[in-house]
């Protein structure tokens, strides 16, 4: 991201804002504010796929630098859902740009972009939910309050009880419960955590 920013600023008169997933929320919000400000000198936003989630951005055109990303384990090609999520940031209702444009920097990526944009996304039949650390902390606090033994309830027990007691309605299900329990069992014996 920073290499692309430097390249743009070196070869054009434009200044760039940057947004990526691990950017602190306050910095991310400030970068978005600068980019959205029509009087700002920042006219280009260089971003990861993080722009597809939770930011109101006034974007006229999305240019994919690549159609690949690192998913934490390996390099993968963006699927049609991710491409549409990112491309959908351009041209938003009630923005200065009601109609957006999307393209690729590498002409070899254009076929994949066209295929993704032309693929209909099937509606979800079910959705998985996962508790946040704060959910687990609150649940553990309530377990401690109602436990008469006075002993501290470990993470493994808390997660197991959460899974046993969670009630989800409709088309929702609890996901990653088994893997979280396994990891918490491994961590049980780790000291100084």
Protein backbone atom coordinates (compact mmCIF):
# COMPACT_ATOMS: atom_id res chain seq x y z
CA UNK A 1 0.00 0.00 0.00
CA UNK A 2 2.73 2.46 0.92
CA UNK A 3 4.76 1.55 -2.18
CA UNK A 4 1.74 2.33 -4.36
CA UNK A 5 1.18 5.59 -2.46
CA UNK A 6 4.82 6.61 -3.01
CA UNK A 7 4.62 5.68 -6.71
CA UNK A 8 1.50 7.80 -7.25
CA UNK A 9 2.82 10.78 -5.31
CA UNK A 10 6.17 10.58 -7.09
CA UNK A 11 4.74 10.29 -10.63
CA UNK A 12 1.65 12.53 -10.37
CA UNK A 13 0.69 15.80 -8.69
CA UNK A 14 -1.79 13.95 -6.43
CA UNK A 15 -1.53 13.24 -2.69
CA UNK A 16 -2.86 9.97 -1.30
CA UNK A 17 -4.62 8.81 1.83
CA UNK A 18 -4.20 5.19 2.92
CA UNK A 19 -6.59 2.73 4.56
CA UNK A 20 -5.83 -0.86 5.49
CA UNK A 21 -7.15 -3.40 7.96
CA UNK A 22 -4.72 -2.98 10.86
CA UNK A 23 -4.80 0.82 10.75
CA UNK A 24 -6.05 2.12 14.13
CA UNK A 25 -9.73 3.16 13.90
CA UNK A 26 -9.09 6.83 14.70
CA UNK A 27 -6.40 7.05 11.99
CA UNK A 28 -8.65 5.23 9.53
CA UNK A 29 -11.48 7.69 10.24
CA UNK A 30 -9.11 10.65 9.78
CA UNK A 31 -7.84 9.28 6.46
CA UNK A 32 -11.45 8.80 5.29
CA UNK A 33 -12.32 12.34 6.41
CA UNK A 34 -9.38 13.81 4.49
CA UNK A 35 -10.22 11.85 1.37
CA UNK A 36 -13.92 12.81 1.50
CA UNK A 37 -13.21 16.51 2.08
CA UNK A 38 -13.62 18.19 -1.34
CA UNK A 39 -11.32 21.02 -0.22
CA UNK A 40 -8.54 18.64 0.83
CA UNK A 41 -5.42 18.15 -1.24
CA UNK A 42 -5.88 14.36 -0.90
CA UNK A 43 -7.63 13.16 -4.07
CA UNK A 44 -6.59 9.49 -4.16
CA UNK A 45 -7.18 6.73 -1.64
CA UNK A 46 -4.84 3.73 -1.68
CA UNK A 47 -6.48 0.96 0.29
CA UNK A 48 -6.69 -2.74 1.01
CA UNK A 49 -9.98 -4.60 0.89
CA UNK A 50 -10.72 -2.88 4.23
CA UNK A 51 -12.53 -0.16 2.28
CA UNK A 52 -15.31 -2.66 1.64
CA UNK A 53 -16.30 -2.65 5.30
CA UNK A 54 -17.88 0.09 7.32
CA UNK A 55 -16.58 3.34 5.84
CA UNK A 56 -18.58 6.01 4.06
CA UNK A 57 -16.34 7.11 1.23
CA UNK A 58 -17.04 9.38 -1.71
CA UNK A 59 -15.41 7.31 -4.43
CA UNK A 60 -15.91 7.80 -8.15
CA UNK A 61 -13.58 5.07 -9.41
CA UNK A 62 -12.05 1.90 -7.99
CA UNK A 63 -8.83 0.69 -9.63
CA UNK A 64 -7.75 -2.75 -8.49
CA UNK A 65 -3.97 -2.89 -8.32
CA UNK A 66 -4.28 -6.68 -8.23
CA UNK A 67 -7.03 -9.26 -8.01
CA UNK A 68 -5.09 -11.22 -5.40
CA UNK A 69 -4.59 -10.85 -1.66
CA UNK A 70 -2.88 -12.62 1.21
CA UNK A 71 -5.49 -14.27 3.43
CA UNK A 72 -3.14 -14.92 6.35
CA UNK A 73 -1.98 -18.29 5.02
CA UNK A 74 -1.42 -17.83 1.32
CA UNK A 75 -2.08 -15.65 -1.71
CA UNK A 76 -5.61 -16.10 -3.06
CA UNK A 77 -7.58 -14.57 -5.91
CA UNK A 78 -10.42 -12.33 -4.79
CA UNK A 79 -13.76 -14.05 -5.23
CA UNK A 80 -16.79 -12.42 -6.82
CA UNK A 81 -18.28 -11.46 -3.47
CA UNK A 82 -15.12 -9.60 -2.34
CA UNK A 83 -14.73 -7.93 -5.75
CA UNK A 84 -18.34 -6.71 -5.70
CA UNK A 85 -18.02 -5.53 -2.09
CA UNK A 86 -14.97 -3.43 -2.94
CA UNK A 87 -16.22 -2.26 -6.35
CA UNK A 88 -19.51 -1.28 -4.74
CA UNK A 89 -17.75 1.50 -2.84
CA UNK A 90 -17.63 3.52 -6.06
CA UNK A 91 -20.75 5.44 -6.97
CA UNK A 92 -22.93 5.53 -3.89
CA UNK A 93 -26.37 7.01 -3.54
CA UNK A 94 -26.28 10.40 -1.78
CA UNK A 95 -22.59 10.84 -2.60
CA UNK A 96 -21.09 13.30 -5.09
CA UNK A 97 -20.67 10.28 -7.40
CA UNK A 98 -23.99 8.43 -7.81
CA UNK A 99 -22.49 6.28 -10.59
CA UNK A 100 -19.19 4.53 -10.02
CA UNK A 101 -16.56 3.03 -12.25
CA UNK A 102 -14.32 0.03 -11.68
CA UNK A 103 -11.25 -1.19 -13.55
CA UNK A 104 -7.88 -2.91 -13.05
CA UNK A 105 -4.35 -1.65 -13.26
CA UNK A 106 -3.16 -4.90 -14.85
CA UNK A 107 -4.98 -5.68 -18.14
CA UNK A 108 -4.51 -9.39 -17.42
CA UNK A 109 -6.90 -9.01 -14.45
CA UNK A 110 -9.74 -7.54 -16.53
CA UNK A 111 -11.28 -10.90 -17.47
CA UNK A 112 -11.53 -11.89 -13.80
CA UNK A 113 -13.00 -8.49 -12.88
CA UNK A 114 -15.64 -8.74 -15.63
CA UNK A 115 -16.49 -12.30 -14.61
CA UNK A 116 -16.87 -11.27 -10.95
CA UNK A 117 -18.97 -8.22 -11.74
CA UNK A 118 -21.23 -10.34 -13.96
CA UNK A 119 -21.70 -13.09 -11.37
CA UNK A 120 -24.88 -12.93 -9.34
CA UNK A 121 -24.37 -13.42 -5.63
CA UNK A 122 -26.67 -16.07 -4.24
CA UNK A 123 -28.58 -14.98 -1.14
CA UNK A 124 -27.36 -16.51 2.09
CA UNK A 125 -29.53 -19.27 3.50
CA UNK A 126 -27.74 -19.29 6.87
CA UNK A 127 -25.35 -16.96 8.66
CA UNK A 128 -22.74 -17.89 11.24
CA UNK A 129 -22.16 -15.69 14.25
CA UNK A 130 -19.21 -15.73 16.59
CA UNK A 131 -18.99 -14.10 20.01
CA UNK A 132 -16.54 -11.25 20.44
CA UNK A 133 -14.02 -11.24 23.30
CA UNK A 134 -16.24 -8.74 25.13
CA UNK A 135 -19.24 -11.10 24.81
CA UNK A 136 -17.18 -13.91 26.33
CA UNK A 137 -15.90 -11.64 29.12
CA UNK A 138 -19.43 -10.55 30.08
CA UNK A 139 -20.68 -14.14 29.91
CA UNK A 140 -17.76 -15.27 32.12
CA UNK A 141 -18.53 -12.49 34.59
CA UNK A 142 -22.14 -13.69 34.87
CA UNK A 143 -21.02 -17.30 35.25
CA UNK A 144 -18.71 -16.25 38.11
CA UNK A 145 -21.57 -14.35 39.80
CA UNK A 146 -23.87 -17.39 39.73
CA UNK A 147 -21.22 -20.00 40.57
CA UNK A 148 -21.32 -20.91 44.25
CA UNK A 149 -17.89 -22.62 44.33
CA UNK A 150 -15.97 -19.33 44.27
CA UNK A 151 -13.38 -20.83 41.93
CA UNK A 152 -12.32 -18.94 38.82
CA UNK A 153 -13.97 -20.35 35.69
CA UNK A 154 -11.41 -20.93 32.95
CA UNK A 155 -11.80 -19.91 29.31
CA UNK A 156 -12.39 -23.47 28.11
CA UNK A 157 -15.30 -23.96 30.52
CA UNK A 158 -16.71 -20.53 29.68
CA UNK A 159 -16.67 -21.25 25.94
CA UNK A 160 -18.19 -24.71 26.41
CA UNK A 161 -20.99 -23.30 28.56
CA UNK A 162 -21.53 -20.45 26.09
CA UNK A 163 -21.95 -22.99 23.27
CA UNK A 164 -24.32 -25.10 25.38
CA UNK A 165 -26.47 -22.14 26.40
CA UNK A 166 -26.46 -20.05 23.22
CA UNK A 167 -29.86 -19.91 21.57
CA UNK A 168 -29.92 -18.70 18.00
CA UNK A 169 -33.14 -18.28 16.07
CA UNK A 170 -33.93 -18.45 12.40
CA UNK A 171 -31.12 -18.88 9.95
CA UNK A 172 -28.25 -18.20 12.36
CA UNK A 173 -25.75 -20.65 13.80
CA UNK A 174 -22.80 -20.44 16.17
CA UNK A 175 -19.55 -20.93 14.27
CA UNK A 176 -15.99 -21.79 15.27
CA UNK A 177 -17.19 -23.05 18.63
CA UNK A 178 -15.27 -26.33 18.43
CA UNK A 179 -11.98 -24.74 17.30
CA UNK A 180 -12.26 -22.04 20.00
CA UNK A 181 -12.78 -24.72 22.63
CA UNK A 182 -9.79 -26.72 21.42
CA UNK A 183 -7.50 -23.66 21.45
CA UNK A 184 -8.77 -22.61 24.87
CA UNK A 185 -8.01 -26.12 26.20
CA UNK A 186 -4.43 -25.80 24.89
CA UNK A 187 -4.07 -22.37 26.46
CA UNK A 188 -5.36 -23.58 29.83
CA UNK A 189 -1.92 -24.73 30.90
CA UNK A 190 0.03 -21.75 29.55
CA UNK A 191 1.35 -19.63 32.40
CA UNK A 192 1.53 -15.81 32.51
CA UNK A 193 -1.16 -15.12 29.94
